[in-house]
N, C-alpha and C. Protein backbone atom coordinates (compact mmCIF):
# COMPACT_ATOMS: atom_id res chain seq x y z
N MET A 1 15.62 -24.28 -5.81
CA MET A 1 15.72 -23.18 -6.74
C MET A 1 15.19 -21.89 -6.11
N GLN A 2 14.09 -21.99 -5.38
CA GLN A 2 13.51 -20.79 -4.75
C GLN A 2 14.47 -20.20 -3.72
N GLU A 3 15.21 -21.08 -3.02
CA GLU A 3 16.17 -20.59 -2.03
C GLU A 3 17.25 -19.73 -2.68
N ALA A 4 17.72 -20.15 -3.86
CA ALA A 4 18.74 -19.38 -4.57
C ALA A 4 18.16 -18.04 -5.01
N ALA A 5 16.94 -18.05 -5.52
CA ALA A 5 16.29 -16.80 -5.95
C ALA A 5 16.13 -15.85 -4.76
N ASP A 6 15.73 -16.38 -3.62
CA ASP A 6 15.57 -15.56 -2.41
C ASP A 6 16.92 -14.97 -1.98
N PHE A 7 17.96 -15.78 -2.06
CA PHE A 7 19.30 -15.33 -1.69
C PHE A 7 19.74 -14.14 -2.55
N TYR A 8 19.60 -14.28 -3.86
CA TYR A 8 20.04 -13.21 -4.76
C TYR A 8 19.14 -11.98 -4.66
N SER A 9 17.88 -12.18 -4.40
CA SER A 9 16.97 -11.05 -4.17
C SER A 9 17.42 -10.27 -2.94
N HIS A 10 17.77 -10.99 -1.89
CA HIS A 10 18.26 -10.36 -0.66
C HIS A 10 19.54 -9.58 -0.93
N GLN A 11 20.44 -10.16 -1.73
CA GLN A 11 21.68 -9.48 -2.06
C GLN A 11 21.40 -8.16 -2.78
N LEU A 12 20.44 -8.16 -3.69
CA LEU A 12 20.09 -6.94 -4.42
C LEU A 12 19.51 -5.89 -3.49
N LYS A 13 18.60 -6.29 -2.63
CA LYS A 13 17.94 -5.34 -1.73
C LYS A 13 18.93 -4.62 -0.81
N HIS A 14 20.06 -5.25 -0.54
CA HIS A 14 21.03 -4.69 0.39
C HIS A 14 22.28 -4.13 -0.30
N ASN A 15 22.17 -3.84 -1.58
CA ASN A 15 23.30 -3.27 -2.31
C ASN A 15 22.84 -1.98 -2.99
N LYS A 16 23.05 -0.86 -2.31
CA LYS A 16 22.58 0.45 -2.79
C LYS A 16 23.16 0.80 -4.16
N GLN A 17 24.42 0.45 -4.38
CA GLN A 17 25.06 0.79 -5.66
C GLN A 17 24.34 0.11 -6.83
N VAL A 18 24.01 -1.15 -6.67
CA VAL A 18 23.31 -1.87 -7.74
C VAL A 18 21.89 -1.35 -7.89
N LEU A 19 21.21 -1.08 -6.78
CA LEU A 19 19.86 -0.53 -6.85
C LEU A 19 19.85 0.82 -7.57
N ASN A 20 20.84 1.66 -7.28
CA ASN A 20 20.94 2.95 -7.96
C ASN A 20 21.17 2.76 -9.46
N TYR A 21 22.01 1.81 -9.81
CA TYR A 21 22.27 1.53 -11.22
C TYR A 21 20.98 1.10 -11.93
N LEU A 22 20.24 0.19 -11.32
CA LEU A 22 18.99 -0.26 -11.92
C LEU A 22 18.00 0.88 -12.06
N GLU A 23 17.93 1.73 -11.05
CA GLU A 23 17.03 2.89 -11.11
C GLU A 23 17.41 3.81 -12.27
N GLN A 24 18.69 4.04 -12.47
CA GLN A 24 19.15 4.87 -13.58
C GLN A 24 18.79 4.25 -14.93
N ARG A 25 18.68 2.94 -14.97
CA ARG A 25 18.33 2.23 -16.21
C ARG A 25 16.81 2.09 -16.39
N GLY A 26 16.03 2.66 -15.45
CA GLY A 26 14.58 2.65 -15.58
C GLY A 26 13.86 1.52 -14.87
N PHE A 27 14.58 0.79 -14.02
CA PHE A 27 13.96 -0.30 -13.27
C PHE A 27 13.46 0.24 -11.93
N ASP A 28 12.17 0.10 -11.67
CA ASP A 28 11.65 0.49 -10.37
C ASP A 28 11.39 -0.78 -9.55
N ASN A 29 10.93 -0.60 -8.31
CA ASN A 29 10.71 -1.76 -7.43
C ASN A 29 9.68 -2.72 -7.99
N ASP A 30 8.66 -2.21 -8.68
CA ASP A 30 7.65 -3.09 -9.26
C ASP A 30 8.26 -4.01 -10.32
N ILE A 31 9.13 -3.48 -11.15
CA ILE A 31 9.79 -4.30 -12.17
C ILE A 31 10.72 -5.31 -11.52
N ILE A 32 11.47 -4.87 -10.52
CA ILE A 32 12.39 -5.77 -9.82
C ILE A 32 11.62 -6.93 -9.20
N LYS A 33 10.50 -6.65 -8.57
CA LYS A 33 9.69 -7.71 -7.95
C LYS A 33 9.04 -8.60 -9.01
N HIS A 34 8.47 -7.99 -10.05
CA HIS A 34 7.76 -8.76 -11.08
C HIS A 34 8.68 -9.77 -11.76
N PHE A 35 9.88 -9.34 -12.10
CA PHE A 35 10.82 -10.22 -12.79
C PHE A 35 11.77 -10.95 -11.84
N LYS A 36 11.55 -10.75 -10.53
CA LYS A 36 12.34 -11.42 -9.50
C LYS A 36 13.84 -11.26 -9.73
N LEU A 37 14.24 -10.00 -9.93
CA LEU A 37 15.65 -9.71 -10.18
C LEU A 37 16.45 -9.87 -8.90
N GLY A 38 17.69 -10.22 -9.06
CA GLY A 38 18.60 -10.36 -7.94
C GLY A 38 19.98 -9.87 -8.33
N TYR A 39 20.91 -10.04 -7.42
CA TYR A 39 22.29 -9.62 -7.65
C TYR A 39 23.23 -10.68 -7.11
N ALA A 40 24.22 -11.03 -7.93
CA ALA A 40 25.22 -12.03 -7.54
C ALA A 40 26.58 -11.37 -7.39
N PRO A 41 26.95 -10.97 -6.16
CA PRO A 41 28.27 -10.39 -5.95
C PRO A 41 29.36 -11.45 -6.14
N LYS A 42 30.59 -10.99 -6.30
CA LYS A 42 31.71 -11.92 -6.53
C LYS A 42 31.80 -12.99 -5.44
N ALA A 43 31.65 -12.60 -4.21
CA ALA A 43 31.71 -13.54 -3.09
C ALA A 43 30.31 -13.68 -2.50
N SER A 44 29.45 -14.39 -3.20
CA SER A 44 28.05 -14.43 -2.79
C SER A 44 27.75 -15.46 -1.70
N HIS A 45 28.58 -16.49 -1.57
CA HIS A 45 28.40 -17.50 -0.53
C HIS A 45 27.08 -18.27 -0.67
N LEU A 46 26.58 -18.40 -1.90
CA LEU A 46 25.33 -19.13 -2.12
C LEU A 46 25.45 -20.57 -1.65
N SER A 47 26.53 -21.24 -1.97
CA SER A 47 26.66 -22.64 -1.59
C SER A 47 26.61 -22.81 -0.08
N ARG A 48 27.27 -21.93 0.65
CA ARG A 48 27.23 -22.01 2.11
C ARG A 48 25.81 -21.76 2.62
N TYR A 49 25.14 -20.77 2.05
CA TYR A 49 23.76 -20.45 2.42
C TYR A 49 22.86 -21.67 2.21
N LEU A 50 22.99 -22.33 1.07
CA LEU A 50 22.14 -23.48 0.78
C LEU A 50 22.47 -24.68 1.66
N MET A 51 23.76 -24.92 1.93
CA MET A 51 24.15 -26.06 2.75
C MET A 51 23.75 -25.88 4.21
N GLU A 52 23.83 -24.65 4.70
CA GLU A 52 23.51 -24.39 6.10
C GLU A 52 22.04 -24.15 6.33
N GLY A 53 21.29 -23.90 5.27
CA GLY A 53 19.87 -23.60 5.43
C GLY A 53 19.65 -22.27 6.12
N THR A 54 20.59 -21.36 5.97
CA THR A 54 20.52 -20.05 6.61
C THR A 54 19.33 -19.26 6.08
N LYS A 55 18.64 -18.59 6.97
CA LYS A 55 17.54 -17.71 6.57
C LYS A 55 17.91 -16.29 6.95
N PHE A 56 17.40 -15.34 6.18
CA PHE A 56 17.70 -13.93 6.42
C PHE A 56 16.84 -13.39 7.52
């Protein structure tokens, strides 16, 4: 479960458009970290990440 959370957190950190949207909605980095927010793009490749044990 932690691996999936890390994956989606990484996706969020590297998507400026989503980060800008969250900022406009009042979410700052402290809130994002506290609630462990992430982002799931359409082609997230989570299953491949988990099967391969890929690390960022």
